[in-house]
Amino acid sequence: MKHIKLIICLLVFNVALGQKSLDQLVNEVDPKVIELRRDFHQFPELSNREFKTSQKIASYLEGLGIKVITNVAHTGVIGILEGDGEGPVVALRADMDALPVTERVDLPFASKEISEYNGVSSGVMHACGHDTHVAMLLGAAEILSKMKADLKGTVKFIFQPAEEGVPPGEEGGAKLMVEVGALKNPDVDVIFGIHIDAFIEVGKIGYKPGGIMAEAQRFEIEVQGKQSHGASPWSGVDPIVISAQIINGLQTIISRDTELTKEAAVITVGMIQGGLRYNIIPENVKMIGTIRTLDEEMKLKINSLMEKRVKSISQAFGGDATIEFSTTAPLTYNHLELTSYAVPVLNENIGDENVMIIDAITGAEDFSYFQKEVPGFYFFVGGRNPNVEIDKIADHHTPDFYIDEAGMKTGVRSFVSLTLDYLNNAE
């Protein structure tokens, strides 16, 4: 019955748009989507600094006749498309920030941007595909804007800054967007989000009911020692040596104390700061890293073991240490009922053979803050050329990250079909 409703819905829109099918509409907008993506890719901006990006988005939405709200959670943009009929409110979300990565991909639109991150000069690159997310959502907005007269409800286009994390001392991202009312006025009923995936083949979609992406925690360790001459370490307490032992001790929490057959978990130290000169043992060392978990009890156990191990190891070597935790993104959890609703729509529009269940991953997404407020469904869209072998693919967040633009059609089509179906068929 659901499939019949969807087919009827699409037929109605075909008539309203002069017999154009959804395929035709997606194909027509695709050159614009590619052009937009290349522009965003060539001129990326870091978290909470997406000033030109947000201006371009706002201008494009205004050109479609969509109501625009800017400066949401700093640089965020919200577009509101009110259908002529009454109905629910569907939100579609794209993140728009780039990363402090220097691009190595040989593209005519490769990024040459340079910025400063944590006091260090760095290249800036869309090394996680957020440029494609913005372009796909703008493509969907263009198609849906042409259907305004036949929409039963409202579409909210949410362009979110700072998904990759805010600069030290600042607020931002999905958490701040929720706090400032991005899901209110009009109140959102459901939200859909997508992420391009360099390892999934173009034309395919990956999803998982329930937990699909890990909770991310940031931890900061301060190791206190006693400064001394590098030639006489016995007269001091070396915090660098202690830090090395702590790092090893943290990894045994994962390899020996965590039930990995239950869920995956990760502890990574990503930054170490200590010392100013080659022949001076410093007074202290700072370590910053991330924890990824998919289970609340496992997270609490890992946090407890980390506190005990950091303290005991540092004291065993004559020093001391403290550790602090903060959550950067909760568990990305696909609402079970909404997932059951959405998957048949994707099957109908993308093809059963192209919609697949995937394992949960230890990457994190602050889309989870939206999901804590309203039912949400988050899924992955393929960006790998099928002629490229998996072991030749560069990972996300690396200088060689590359996306086949042919995959963006699937994202645009998914956004549009999910929105049309929910607005016109949700009960």
Protein backbone atom coordinates (compact mmCIF):
# COMPACT_ATOMS: atom_id res chain seq x y z
CA MET A 1 0.00 0.00 0.00
CA LYS A 2 2.83 2.35 0.85
CA HIS A 3 4.50 1.84 -2.51
CA ILE A 4 1.19 2.56 -4.27
CA LYS A 5 0.86 5.85 -2.37
CA LEU A 6 4.37 6.85 -3.36
CA ILE A 7 3.77 6.08 -7.04
CA ILE A 8 0.53 8.10 -6.99
CA CYS A 9 2.34 10.97 -5.28
CA LEU A 10 5.07 11.04 -7.93
CA LEU A 11 2.52 10.83 -10.74
CA VAL A 12 0.74 13.90 -9.33
CA PHE A 13 4.00 15.84 -9.34
CA ASN A 14 4.84 14.66 -12.85
CA VAL A 15 1.57 16.17 -14.07
CA ALA A 16 2.17 19.38 -12.12
CA LEU A 17 5.64 19.76 -13.63
CA GLY A 18 4.65 19.07 -17.20
CA GLN A 19 5.10 15.30 -17.15
CA LYS A 20 8.69 15.52 -15.94
CA SER A 21 9.79 12.52 -13.92
CA LEU A 22 11.95 12.73 -10.83
CA ASP A 23 14.77 11.26 -12.91
CA GLN A 24 14.47 14.12 -15.38
CA LEU A 25 14.41 16.73 -12.62
CA VAL A 26 17.49 15.25 -10.96
CA ASN A 27 19.32 15.08 -14.30
CA GLU A 28 18.40 18.69 -15.10
CA VAL A 29 19.74 20.02 -11.79
CA ASP A 30 22.84 17.82 -11.76
CA PRO A 31 25.11 20.22 -13.74
CA LYS A 32 24.28 22.96 -11.22
CA VAL A 33 24.97 20.58 -8.32
CA ILE A 34 28.38 19.74 -9.80
CA GLU A 35 29.17 23.41 -10.40
CA LEU A 36 28.18 24.29 -6.84
CA ARG A 37 30.19 21.44 -5.38
CA ARG A 38 33.33 22.48 -7.28
CA ASP A 39 33.01 26.07 -6.11
CA PHE A 40 32.59 25.04 -2.48
CA HIS A 41 35.48 22.59 -2.86
CA GLN A 42 37.83 25.19 -4.32
CA PHE A 43 37.07 27.75 -1.61
CA PRO A 44 36.64 25.80 1.66
CA GLU A 45 36.34 27.39 5.09
CA LEU A 46 37.02 26.04 8.57
CA SER A 47 34.48 25.51 11.35
CA ASN A 48 32.66 28.66 12.50
CA ARG A 49 34.42 30.55 9.70
CA GLU A 50 32.11 29.56 6.82
CA PHE A 51 31.34 33.20 5.95
CA LYS A 52 31.53 33.08 2.14
CA THR A 53 30.03 29.60 2.06
CA SER A 54 26.95 30.73 3.97
CA GLN A 55 26.57 33.82 1.77
CA LYS A 56 26.58 31.66 -1.37
CA ILE A 57 24.02 29.28 0.15
CA ALA A 58 21.72 32.11 1.24
CA SER A 59 21.93 33.78 -2.16
CA TYR A 60 21.10 30.54 -3.98
CA LEU A 61 18.10 29.80 -1.74
CA GLU A 62 16.78 33.34 -2.14
CA GLY A 63 17.03 32.91 -5.90
CA LEU A 64 14.69 29.93 -5.57
CA GLY A 65 12.13 32.02 -3.69
CA ILE A 66 12.82 30.23 -0.41
CA LYS A 67 12.65 32.18 2.86
CA VAL A 68 16.16 32.45 4.30
CA ILE A 69 17.44 32.91 7.86
CA THR A 70 21.16 33.60 8.25
CA ASN A 71 23.67 33.81 11.11
CA VAL A 72 22.15 30.80 12.86
CA ALA A 73 24.67 29.46 15.39
CA HIS A 74 27.23 31.88 13.90
CA THR A 75 27.32 31.03 10.18
CA GLY A 76 24.44 28.59 9.78
CA VAL A 77 21.74 29.09 7.16
CA ILE A 78 18.13 27.88 7.27
CA GLY A 79 15.81 27.87 4.30
CA ILE A 80 12.05 27.48 4.77
CA LEU A 81 9.83 26.31 1.93
CA GLU A 82 6.14 26.39 2.81
CA GLY A 83 3.91 24.24 0.64
CA ASP A 84 0.49 25.49 -0.32
CA GLY A 85 -1.10 22.60 1.59
CA GLU A 86 -1.02 21.95 5.31
CA GLY A 87 1.07 19.12 6.71
CA PRO A 88 4.15 18.15 8.70
CA VAL A 89 7.55 19.82 8.76
CA VAL A 90 10.47 17.87 7.28
CA ALA A 91 14.03 19.06 7.91
CA LEU A 92 16.94 18.21 5.60
CA ARG A 93 20.45 18.86 6.88
CA ALA A 94 23.87 19.40 5.31
CA ASP A 95 27.10 20.32 7.09
CA MET A 96 29.36 22.87 5.39
CA ASP A 97 32.74 23.18 7.14
CA ALA A 98 36.11 21.98 5.87
CA LEU A 99 39.23 20.61 7.57
CA PRO A 100 42.81 21.80 8.20
CA VAL A 101 44.20 19.46 5.53
CA THR A 102 46.43 20.40 2.58
CA GLU A 103 44.96 18.91 -0.59
CA ARG A 104 47.09 16.62 -2.78
CA VAL A 105 44.42 15.63 -5.32
CA ASP A 106 45.20 16.85 -8.84
CA LEU A 107 41.94 18.63 -9.70
CA PRO A 108 41.37 21.84 -11.66
CA PHE A 109 39.24 23.00 -8.70
CA ALA A 110 41.58 21.77 -5.95
CA SER A 111 41.75 23.95 -2.87
CA LYS A 112 44.68 26.35 -2.53
CA GLU A 113 43.27 27.97 0.60
CA ILE A 114 45.53 28.52 3.62
CA SER A 115 44.32 29.29 7.12
CA GLU A 116 45.39 28.99 10.73
CA TYR A 117 44.28 26.17 12.99
CA ASN A 118 45.37 25.92 16.65
CA GLY A 119 48.00 28.56 15.94
CA VAL A 120 49.50 26.60 13.03
CA SER A 121 49.31 27.53 9.35
CA SER A 122 47.60 24.82 7.31
CA GLY A 123 45.94 24.17 4.02
CA VAL A 124 42.14 23.95 4.08
CA MET A 125 40.30 21.16 2.27
CA HIS A 126 36.88 19.58 2.03
CA ALA A 127 38.44 16.27 3.01
CA CYS A 128 35.19 14.73 4.24
CA GLY A 129 32.76 15.65 1.47
CA HIS A 130 30.81 18.43 3.14
CA ASP A 131 31.04 20.34 -0.14
CA THR A 132 28.99 17.58 -1.76
CA HIS A 133 26.47 17.63 1.10
CA VAL A 134 25.79 21.34 0.59
CA ALA A 135 25.55 20.96 -3.18
CA MET A 136 23.18 17.97 -2.94
CA LEU A 137 20.88 19.79 -0.53
CA LEU A 138 20.81 22.90 -2.74
CA GLY A 139 19.94 20.64 -5.67
CA ALA A 140 17.09 19.12 -3.67
CA ALA A 141 15.93 22.61 -2.67
CA GLU A 142 15.75 23.64 -6.32
CA ILE A 143 13.62 20.64 -7.25
CA LEU A 144 11.30 20.98 -4.26
CA SER A 145 10.89 24.74 -4.80
CA LYS A 146 9.28 23.93 -8.16
CA MET A 147 6.71 21.75 -6.35
CA LYS A 148 5.58 24.33 -3.80
CA ALA A 149 1.98 24.38 -5.01
CA ASP A 150 1.65 20.65 -4.44
CA LEU A 151 3.53 20.25 -1.14
CA LYS A 152 1.41 19.38 1.87
CA GLY A 153 3.59 20.84 4.61
CA THR A 154 6.90 22.60 5.04
CA VAL A 155 10.51 21.79 4.19
CA LYS A 156 13.29 23.18 6.36
CA PHE A 157 16.75 23.20 4.76
CA ILE A 158 19.39 23.29 7.50
CA PHE A 159 22.95 24.20 6.50
CA GLN A 160 25.05 23.61 9.58
CA PRO A 161 28.48 24.99 10.43
CA ALA A 162 31.20 23.40 12.56
CA GLU A 163 30.32 19.71 12.31
CA GLU A 164 34.02 18.91 12.53
CA GLY A 165 34.25 20.61 15.93
CA VAL A 166 34.47 24.21 17.08
CA PRO A 167 37.70 26.11 17.73
CA PRO A 168 38.84 26.11 21.40
CA GLY A 169 36.74 28.41 23.55
CA GLU A 170 33.88 28.67 21.04
CA GLU A 171 30.43 27.14 20.71
CA GLY A 172 28.84 25.89 17.54
CA GLY A 173 27.74 22.97 15.43
CA ALA A 174 24.47 21.07 15.70
CA LYS A 175 24.37 21.47 19.49
CA LEU A 176 24.25 25.25 19.24
CA MET A 177 21.82 25.14 16.32
CA VAL A 178 19.41 23.16 18.48
CA GLU A 179 19.90 25.55 21.41
CA VAL A 180 19.11 28.63 19.29
CA GLY A 181 15.94 27.03 17.91
CA ALA A 182 16.87 25.65 14.48
CA LEU A 183 14.23 22.93 14.91
CA LYS A 184 11.54 25.42 16.01
CA ASN A 185 9.28 27.95 14.32
CA PRO A 186 8.06 25.94 12.50
CA ASP A 187 8.58 22.90 14.69
CA VAL A 188 10.29 20.04 12.87
CA ASP A 189 8.59 16.62 12.90
CA VAL A 190 11.41 14.55 11.37
CA ILE A 191 14.91 15.18 10.05
CA PHE A 192 16.96 13.46 7.36
CA GLY A 193 20.72 13.68 6.90
CA ILE A 194 23.20 12.14 4.48
CA HIS A 195 26.96 11.67 4.24
CA ILE A 196 28.94 10.92 1.12
CA ASP A 197 31.14 7.83 1.51
CA ALA A 198 34.35 7.32 -0.47
CA PHE A 199 34.17 3.53 0.00
CA ILE A 200 30.55 2.90 -1.03
CA GLU A 201 29.97 2.50 -4.76
CA VAL A 202 28.26 5.32 -6.67
CA GLY A 203 24.50 4.77 -6.86
CA LYS A 204 24.27 2.84 -3.61
CA ILE A 205 23.10 3.76 -0.11
CA GLY A 206 24.22 2.36 3.25
CA TYR A 207 22.12 2.60 6.41
CA LYS A 208 21.63 0.92 9.79
CA PRO A 209 18.65 0.98 12.15
CA GLY A 210 19.56 2.20 15.66
CA GLY A 211 23.13 3.20 16.41
CA ILE A 212 25.04 3.89 13.19
CA MET A 213 27.87 6.20 14.32
CA ALA A 214 29.76 6.31 17.59
CA GLU A 215 29.56 8.71 20.47
CA ALA A 216 32.69 10.89 20.45
CA GLN A 217 34.38 12.13 23.58
CA ARG A 218 37.36 14.45 23.81
CA PHE A 219 39.84 13.83 26.61
CA GLU A 220 42.66 15.99 27.87
CA ILE A 221 45.46 14.67 30.09
CA GLU A 222 47.87 16.88 32.03
CA VAL A 223 51.02 15.06 33.18
CA GLN A 224 53.01 16.76 35.91
CA GLY A 225 56.71 16.00 36.36
CA LYS A 226 59.79 17.83 37.64
CA GLN A 227 61.97 19.80 35.27
CA SER A 228 65.66 18.93 35.00
CA HIS A 229 68.64 19.01 32.67
CA GLY A 230 68.40 16.50 29.85
CA ALA A 231 71.84 15.22 30.82
CA SER A 232 70.78 14.37 34.37
CA PRO A 233 67.25 12.92 34.23
CA TRP A 234 67.70 11.34 37.68
CA SER A 235 67.39 14.80 39.24
CA GLY A 236 63.87 15.27 37.94
CA VAL A 237 60.71 13.43 36.94
CA ASP A 238 60.30 13.04 33.18
CA PRO A 239 56.66 13.68 32.08
CA ILE A 240 57.48 12.65 28.51
CA VAL A 241 58.45 9.14 29.60
CA ILE A 242 55.36 9.01 31.82
CA SER A 243 53.22 10.09 28.86
CA ALA A 244 54.63 7.27 26.74
CA GLN A 245 53.69 4.76 29.44
CA ILE A 246 50.22 6.27 29.76
CA ILE A 247 49.63 5.96 26.00
CA ASN A 248 50.57 2.27 26.12
CA GLY A 249 48.37 1.79 29.17
CA LEU A 250 45.38 3.41 27.45
CA GLN A 251 45.67 1.04 24.49
CA THR A 252 45.52 -2.01 26.76
CA ILE A 253 42.13 -0.76 27.98
CA ILE A 254 40.87 -1.44 24.46
CA SER A 255 42.88 -4.58 23.72
CA ARG A 256 42.49 -6.30 27.12
CA ASP A 257 39.65 -4.73 29.11
CA THR A 258 36.96 -3.98 26.52
CA GLU A 259 34.53 -6.59 25.20
CA LEU A 260 35.01 -5.82 21.51
CA THR A 261 32.73 -8.64 20.39
CA LYS A 262 29.87 -6.57 21.83
CA GLU A 263 30.65 -3.26 20.12
CA ALA A 264 33.69 -1.51 18.70
CA ALA A 265 35.58 1.06 20.78
CA VAL A 266 38.60 3.27 20.16
CA ILE A 267 41.00 5.40 22.23
CA THR A 268 43.28 7.65 20.19
CA VAL A 269 45.83 10.20 21.41
CA GLY A 270 45.93 12.75 18.63
CA MET A 271 48.10 15.52 20.07
CA ILE A 272 51.03 15.77 22.48
CA GLN A 273 52.56 19.03 23.69
CA GLY A 274 55.60 19.20 25.95
CA GLY A 275 59.05 20.70 26.09
CA LEU A 276 60.77 23.65 24.42
CA ARG A 277 64.38 22.55 24.05
CA TYR A 278 66.21 19.32 23.15
CA ASN A 279 68.28 19.18 26.36
CA ILE A 280 65.66 20.15 28.93
CA ILE A 281 63.23 17.70 30.50
CA PRO A 282 60.02 19.74 30.79
CA GLU A 283 57.82 20.27 33.82
CA ASN A 284 54.62 18.98 32.20
CA VAL A 285 53.06 17.43 29.12
CA LYS A 286 49.56 17.79 27.68
CA MET A 287 47.86 15.05 25.66
CA ILE A 288 44.56 15.41 23.83
CA GLY A 289 42.63 12.62 22.15
CA THR A 290 39.31 11.03 21.34
CA ILE A 291 37.23 8.08 22.57
CA ARG A 292 34.67 6.41 20.31
CA THR A 293 32.00 4.10 21.75
CA LEU A 294 28.70 2.60 20.59
CA ASP A 295 27.45 1.45 24.00
CA GLU A 296 26.77 3.56 27.10
CA GLU A 297 27.96 0.96 29.64
CA MET A 298 31.16 0.39 27.68
CA LYS A 299 31.77 4.14 27.57
CA LEU A 300 31.39 4.50 31.34
CA LYS A 301 33.71 1.55 31.97
CA ILE A 302 36.36 2.91 29.60
CA ASN A 303 36.19 6.36 31.20
CA SER A 304 36.60 4.85 34.68
CA LEU A 305 39.56 2.70 33.61
CA MET A 306 41.22 5.67 31.92
CA GLU A 307 40.97 7.76 35.09
CA LYS A 308 42.49 5.00 37.21
CA ARG A 309 45.24 4.12 34.74
CA VAL A 310 46.34 7.69 34.09
CA LYS A 311 46.62 8.36 37.80
CA SER A 312 48.33 5.09 38.77
CA ILE A 313 50.89 5.13 35.93
CA SER A 314 51.91 8.72 36.55
CA GLN A 315 52.30 8.17 40.28
CA ALA A 316 54.24 4.95 39.75
CA PHE A 317 56.91 6.99 37.95
CA GLY A 318 56.99 9.75 40.56
CA GLY A 319 54.73 12.25 38.85
CA ASP A 320 51.02 12.98 38.78
CA ALA A 321 48.32 13.44 36.14
CA THR A 322 44.72 14.51 35.65
CA ILE A 323 42.22 13.66 32.92
CA GLU A 324 39.06 15.48 31.82
CA PHE A 325 36.33 14.29 29.43
CA SER A 326 33.85 16.16 27.26
CA THR A 327 31.30 14.89 24.74
CA THR A 328 31.71 16.27 21.22
CA ALA A 329 28.92 14.21 19.64
CA PRO A 330 26.40 11.76 21.13
CA LEU A 331 25.60 8.40 19.54
CA THR A 332 24.07 8.86 16.07
CA TYR A 333 20.91 6.80 16.48
CA ASN A 334 18.47 6.18 13.66
CA HIS A 335 14.92 6.27 14.97
CA LEU A 336 13.60 2.75 14.42
CA GLU A 337 10.10 3.68 13.25
CA LEU A 338 11.34 6.42 10.94
CA THR A 339 13.97 4.06 9.52
CA SER A 340 11.26 1.49 8.80
CA TYR A 341 9.33 4.22 7.04
CA ALA A 342 12.25 5.62 5.03
CA VAL A 343 13.87 2.44 3.73
CA PRO A 344 10.92 1.38 1.49
CA VAL A 345 10.94 4.89 -0.01
CA LEU A 346 14.64 4.56 -0.82
CA ASN A 347 14.09 1.05 -2.16
CA GLU A 348 11.40 2.35 -4.47
CA ASN A 349 13.47 5.27 -5.74
CA ILE A 350 17.05 4.01 -5.63
CA GLY A 351 16.38 0.29 -6.14
CA ASP A 352 16.27 -2.54 -3.61
CA GLU A 353 19.61 -3.84 -4.85
CA ASN A 354 21.24 -0.46 -4.14
CA VAL A 355 20.03 0.03 -0.55
CA MET A 356 22.03 -2.00 1.96
CA ILE A 357 22.47 -2.38 5.69
CA ILE A 358 25.98 -1.60 6.89
CA ASP A 359 27.83 -2.10 10.17
CA ALA A 360 28.06 0.73 12.67
CA ILE A 361 31.22 2.81 12.36
CA THR A 362 33.44 4.49 14.96
CA GLY A 363 33.29 7.82 13.19
CA ALA A 364 31.02 10.36 14.88
CA GLU A 365 28.47 12.91 13.69
CA ASP A 366 26.90 15.80 15.57
CA PHE A 367 23.71 15.20 13.56
CA SER A 368 23.01 13.18 16.70
CA TYR A 369 22.08 16.41 18.53
CA PHE A 370 19.15 16.85 16.12
CA GLN A 371 18.17 13.20 16.65
CA LYS A 372 17.98 13.75 20.40
CA GLU A 373 15.21 16.30 19.78
CA VAL A 374 13.19 14.79 16.90
CA PRO A 375 13.13 11.45 15.06
CA GLY A 376 16.01 11.37 12.60
CA PHE A 377 17.32 9.10 9.87
CA TYR A 378 20.97 9.33 8.75
CA PHE A 379 22.49 7.35 5.91
CA PHE A 380 25.48 7.14 3.59
CA VAL A 381 25.55 7.84 -0.14
CA GLY A 382 28.16 6.19 -2.35
CA GLY A 383 30.96 8.27 -3.84
CA ARG A 384 33.32 5.58 -5.17
CA ASN A 385 33.81 4.98 -8.86
CA PRO A 386 33.09 1.24 -9.30
CA ASN A 387 36.22 0.93 -11.47
CA VAL A 388 38.46 1.92 -8.55
CA GLU A 389 39.52 -0.85 -6.19
CA ILE A 390 38.75 -0.41 -2.49
CA ASP A 391 42.42 -0.60 -1.47
CA LYS A 392 43.16 2.35 -3.75
CA ILE A 393 40.66 4.62 -2.01
CA ALA A 394 41.98 7.43 0.21
CA ASP A 395 40.21 7.69 3.55
CA HIS A 396 38.16 10.66 4.70
CA HIS A 397 40.17 13.38 6.48
CA THR A 398 43.26 12.74 4.35
CA PRO A 399 45.01 14.91 1.68
CA ASP A 400 44.16 12.43 -1.11
CA PHE A 401 40.42 12.15 -0.33
CA TYR A 402 38.41 12.04 -3.54
CA ILE A 403 34.72 11.74 -4.42
CA ASP A 404 33.19 10.71 -7.74
CA GLU A 405 30.63 13.43 -8.44
CA ALA A 406 28.30 10.95 -10.14
CA GLY A 407 27.25 9.86 -6.65
CA MET A 408 25.58 13.18 -5.90
CA LYS A 409 22.54 12.33 -8.02
CA THR A 410 21.65 9.61 -5.53
CA GLY A 411 21.83 12.09 -2.66
CA VAL A 412 19.61 14.63 -4.41
CA ARG A 413 17.09 11.97 -5.37
CA SER A 414 17.05 10.57 -1.83
CA PHE A 415 16.42 13.96 -0.22
CA VAL A 416 13.59 14.75 -2.64
CA SER A 417 11.86 11.35 -2.53
CA LEU A 418 11.97 11.11 1.27
CA THR A 419 10.56 14.63 1.59
CA LEU A 420 7.78 14.15 -0.95
CA ASP A 421 6.71 10.87 0.55
CA TYR A 422 6.68 12.07 4.15
CA LEU A 423 4.87 15.34 3.42
CA ASN A 424 2.17 13.69 1.36
CA ASN A 425 1.82 10.21 2.86
CA ALA A 426 2.87 10.28 6.52
CA GLU A 427 0.04 9.33 8.85
